Protein backbone atom coordinates (compact mmCIF):
# COMPACT_ATOMS: atom_id res chain seq x y z
CA MET A 1 -65.37 23.21 15.51
CA SER A 2 -61.82 22.40 14.49
CA ILE A 3 -60.09 19.28 15.67
CA SER A 4 -56.41 19.60 16.45
CA VAL A 5 -54.17 16.66 15.55
CA PRO A 6 -51.48 15.92 18.17
CA ARG A 7 -47.98 16.41 16.80
CA ASP A 8 -45.17 13.96 17.44
CA ASP A 9 -42.47 16.27 18.84
CA LYS A 10 -40.09 13.35 19.29
CA ARG A 11 -39.71 12.77 15.54
CA PRO A 12 -37.35 15.73 14.79
CA LEU A 13 -35.28 14.90 17.88
CA ARG A 14 -34.95 11.27 16.80
CA ARG A 15 -33.87 12.39 13.31
CA ASP A 16 -31.20 14.70 14.79
CA VAL A 17 -29.83 11.87 16.94
CA ILE A 18 -29.58 9.57 13.92
CA VAL A 19 -27.79 12.25 11.86
CA ALA A 20 -25.35 12.97 14.71
CA ALA A 21 -24.65 9.26 15.16
CA CYS A 22 -23.97 8.83 11.43
CA CYS A 23 -21.58 11.80 11.48
CA GLY A 24 -19.76 10.35 14.48
CA VAL A 25 -19.36 6.98 12.76
CA PHE A 26 -18.08 8.69 9.61
CA VAL A 27 -15.49 10.74 11.52
CA ALA A 28 -14.31 7.67 13.45
CA ALA A 29 -13.98 5.71 10.21
CA MET A 30 -11.93 8.49 8.58
CA VAL A 31 -9.60 8.73 11.58
CA GLY A 32 -9.13 4.96 11.58
CA ALA A 33 -8.39 4.99 7.86
CA ALA A 34 -5.82 7.75 8.31
CA TYR A 35 -3.96 5.77 10.97
CA ALA A 36 -4.16 2.55 8.94
CA SER A 37 -2.85 4.27 5.82
CA VAL A 38 0.54 5.00 7.43
CA PRO A 39 1.63 1.39 8.01
CA PHE A 40 0.02 0.33 4.73
CA TYR A 41 1.92 3.01 2.81
CA THR A 42 5.17 2.01 4.55
CA TRP A 43 4.60 -1.65 3.68
CA PHE A 44 3.74 -0.74 0.08
CA CYS A 45 6.89 1.35 -0.33
CA LYS A 46 9.13 -1.36 1.12
CA ALA A 47 7.56 -4.05 -1.02
CA THR A 48 7.68 -2.15 -4.30
CA GLY A 49 10.49 0.38 -3.88
CA PHE A 50 7.96 3.14 -4.54
CA GLY A 51 9.36 6.61 -3.97
CA GLY A 52 12.92 5.33 -3.77
CA THR A 53 12.35 3.19 -0.68
CA THR A 54 15.09 0.57 -0.49
CA GLN A 55 14.79 -3.15 0.21
CA VAL A 56 16.10 -5.04 3.24
CA ALA A 57 17.98 -8.36 3.30
CA GLU A 58 19.62 -10.39 6.05
CA GLN A 59 22.50 -11.67 3.93
CA ALA A 60 24.42 -11.11 0.72
CA PRO A 61 23.27 -12.61 -2.58
CA ALA A 62 24.43 -16.13 -3.46
CA LEU A 63 27.98 -16.69 -4.65
CA GLY A 64 28.44 -16.14 -8.35
CA GLN A 65 25.88 -13.34 -8.42
CA VAL A 66 28.46 -10.56 -8.75
CA LEU A 67 28.33 -9.23 -12.31
CA GLY A 68 30.86 -7.37 -14.38
CA ARG A 69 28.68 -4.29 -14.80
CA GLU A 70 29.63 -1.39 -12.51
CA ILE A 71 27.44 1.32 -11.03
CA ALA A 72 28.51 4.50 -9.24
CA ILE A 73 26.89 5.02 -5.83
CA ARG A 74 26.75 8.58 -4.56
CA PHE A 75 26.08 9.46 -0.93
CA ASP A 76 24.01 12.41 0.21
CA SER A 77 23.49 13.55 3.81
CA ASN A 78 21.10 16.09 5.32
CA VAL A 79 19.72 17.20 8.68
CA ALA A 80 16.22 18.58 9.13
CA PRO A 81 15.75 22.13 10.44
CA GLY A 82 16.05 22.35 14.20
CA LEU A 83 18.54 19.50 14.54
CA PRO A 84 22.03 20.80 15.51
CA TRP A 85 23.96 17.83 14.12
CA ARG A 86 26.75 17.68 11.56
CA PHE A 87 26.24 14.67 9.32
CA GLU A 88 28.38 13.57 6.37
CA PRO A 89 29.61 10.49 4.49
CA GLU A 90 33.30 9.53 4.64
CA GLN A 91 33.18 9.07 0.85
CA ASN A 92 31.04 11.01 -1.57
CA GLU A 93 31.04 8.29 -4.23
CA ILE A 94 32.19 4.72 -4.85
CA LYS A 95 31.90 2.29 -7.76
CA ILE A 96 30.68 -1.25 -7.18
CA HIS A 97 29.79 -4.26 -9.30
CA ILE A 98 26.16 -5.29 -9.41
CA GLY A 99 25.69 -7.98 -6.75
CA GLU A 100 28.80 -6.90 -4.83
CA VAL A 101 28.34 -6.16 -1.12
CA ALA A 102 29.71 -2.73 -0.16
CA THR A 103 30.29 -1.14 3.23
CA VAL A 104 30.37 2.64 3.70
CA HIS A 105 30.57 4.87 6.75
CA TYR A 106 28.89 8.08 7.79
CA LYS A 107 29.93 10.37 10.63
CA VAL A 108 27.57 12.39 12.78
CA VAL A 109 28.40 14.97 15.45
CA ASN A 110 26.03 16.43 18.02
CA GLU A 111 26.97 20.10 18.13
CA ALA A 112 24.41 20.96 20.80
CA ALA A 113 25.03 21.29 24.53
CA ARG A 114 22.38 18.70 25.35
CA GLU A 115 21.61 15.08 24.56
CA ILE A 116 19.48 14.65 21.44
CA THR A 117 17.74 11.68 19.84
CA ALA A 118 17.11 11.51 16.10
CA GLN A 119 16.45 8.99 13.37
CA ALA A 120 17.31 8.98 9.70
CA GLY A 121 14.90 8.70 6.81
CA TYR A 122 16.26 7.49 3.50
CA ASN A 123 15.61 6.96 -0.19
CA VAL A 124 17.48 6.37 -3.43
CA SER A 125 17.43 8.21 -6.71
CA PRO A 126 16.26 7.58 -9.36
CA PRO A 127 13.23 6.36 -7.36
CA GLN A 128 12.46 3.39 -9.60
CA VAL A 129 15.68 1.60 -8.58
CA GLY A 130 14.53 1.38 -4.95
CA SER A 131 13.29 -2.17 -5.56
CA TYR A 132 16.84 -3.24 -6.53
CA PHE A 133 18.85 -1.38 -3.88
CA THR A 134 19.10 -3.72 -0.90
CA LYS A 135 20.46 -2.97 2.56
CA ILE A 136 21.86 -5.63 4.89
CA ASN A 137 22.69 -3.23 7.71
CA CYS A 138 21.85 0.44 8.21
CA PHE A 139 21.85 2.99 11.03
CA CYS A 140 18.52 4.26 9.74
CA PHE A 141 16.75 1.27 11.28
CA THR A 142 17.34 2.52 14.83
CA GLN A 143 17.08 5.74 16.81
CA GLN A 144 20.38 7.47 17.49
CA THR A 145 20.96 9.25 20.80
CA LEU A 146 24.07 11.43 21.02
CA LYS A 147 25.40 13.19 24.08
CA PRO A 148 26.62 16.80 23.87
CA GLY A 149 29.61 16.98 21.52
CA GLU A 150 29.55 13.22 20.83
CA THR A 151 30.82 11.92 17.49
CA ARG A 152 29.62 8.61 16.12
CA GLU A 153 30.58 6.55 13.07
CA MET A 154 27.71 4.68 11.47
CA THR A 155 27.80 1.89 8.90
CA VAL A 156 25.71 1.01 5.88
CA VAL A 157 26.07 -2.39 4.17
CA PHE A 158 24.27 -2.83 0.85
CA TYR A 159 24.28 -4.27 -2.65
CA VAL A 160 22.49 -3.73 -5.94
CA ASP A 161 20.32 -6.74 -6.75
CA PRO A 162 21.48 -8.60 -9.91
CA GLU A 163 17.81 -8.75 -10.94
CA ILE A 164 18.25 -5.17 -12.14
CA VAL A 165 19.90 -6.41 -15.35
CA LYS A 166 16.59 -8.06 -16.32
CA ASP A 167 14.87 -4.66 -16.27
CA SER A 168 15.38 -3.16 -19.70
CA GLU A 169 14.42 0.28 -18.38
CA GLN A 170 17.62 0.27 -16.28
CA ASP A 171 20.00 -0.57 -19.14
CA ASP A 172 21.37 2.99 -19.20
CA LEU A 173 21.57 3.35 -15.43
CA ASN A 174 25.09 4.18 -14.28
CA THR A 175 24.59 6.20 -11.07
CA ILE A 176 22.47 5.70 -7.95
CA THR A 177 22.27 8.30 -5.18
CA LEU A 178 21.65 7.10 -1.62
CA SER A 179 20.25 9.95 0.45
CA TYR A 180 19.72 10.24 4.21
CA THR A 181 18.05 12.92 6.30
CA PHE A 182 18.18 12.94 10.09
CA TYR A 183 15.03 14.10 11.88
CA ARG A 184 14.89 15.11 15.51
CA LEU A 185 12.66 12.96 17.73
CA ARG A 186 10.67 14.21 20.65
CA GLU A 187 12.39 13.38 23.91
CA PRO A 188 10.37 11.06 26.13
CA ALA A 189 8.87 12.65 29.21
CA GLN A 190 11.09 12.33 32.24
CA PRO A 191 9.50 10.43 35.14
CA VAL A 192 8.49 12.67 38.01
CA ALA A 193 9.58 11.53 41.45
CA GLU A 194 6.64 10.70 43.68
CA ALA A 195 6.18 13.28 46.38
CA PRO A 196 6.41 11.84 49.90
CA ASP A 197 3.09 11.32 51.60
CA SER A 198 3.08 13.76 54.48
CA ASN A 199 0.32 11.78 56.19
CA LYS A 200 2.61 8.78 56.53
CA ASN A 201 5.11 10.82 58.48
CA LYS A 202 2.52 11.77 61.03
CA LEU A 203 2.22 9.24 63.89
């Protein structure tokens, strides 16, 4: 006479639940890491100048910091596909002394028949000088909304940090290119008017 041993049918189910829970935690952790990496990467670029990201200052360097060495600054302008704007600098190139504050202007025209909002991304070339190229004011810090056919003049105020002369790798540097690209932003959803409550009109 054979004796049958009762089987625990709950064991495989419990194992499946544990595996599914672990997978869910892993996916959630990866999504969280992806979102966290964006602000961290932005902070890293701003702090180090990595990838040609420029620095930001609230005021000009101290008096006496303007040096005799000159550097040519070239200006590049672009618009991303799908953005019907004309965007260009008023000057293609200027020469400034290291530590000297310079002001340049760009002009942008909305050639579309509708209002469009966009924002500019930026970098400098060669990328390793990003940690020395410092902006005091720039249109790239804010979104730009242009009406149909509107033309706008935008200002950039910047200087090249005198600390660059202490970097022996930049001894032969004589030209920096400041490049902007405007990207179209998604228009915010327009609020929908609340439909009147027909029940309130019934007495």
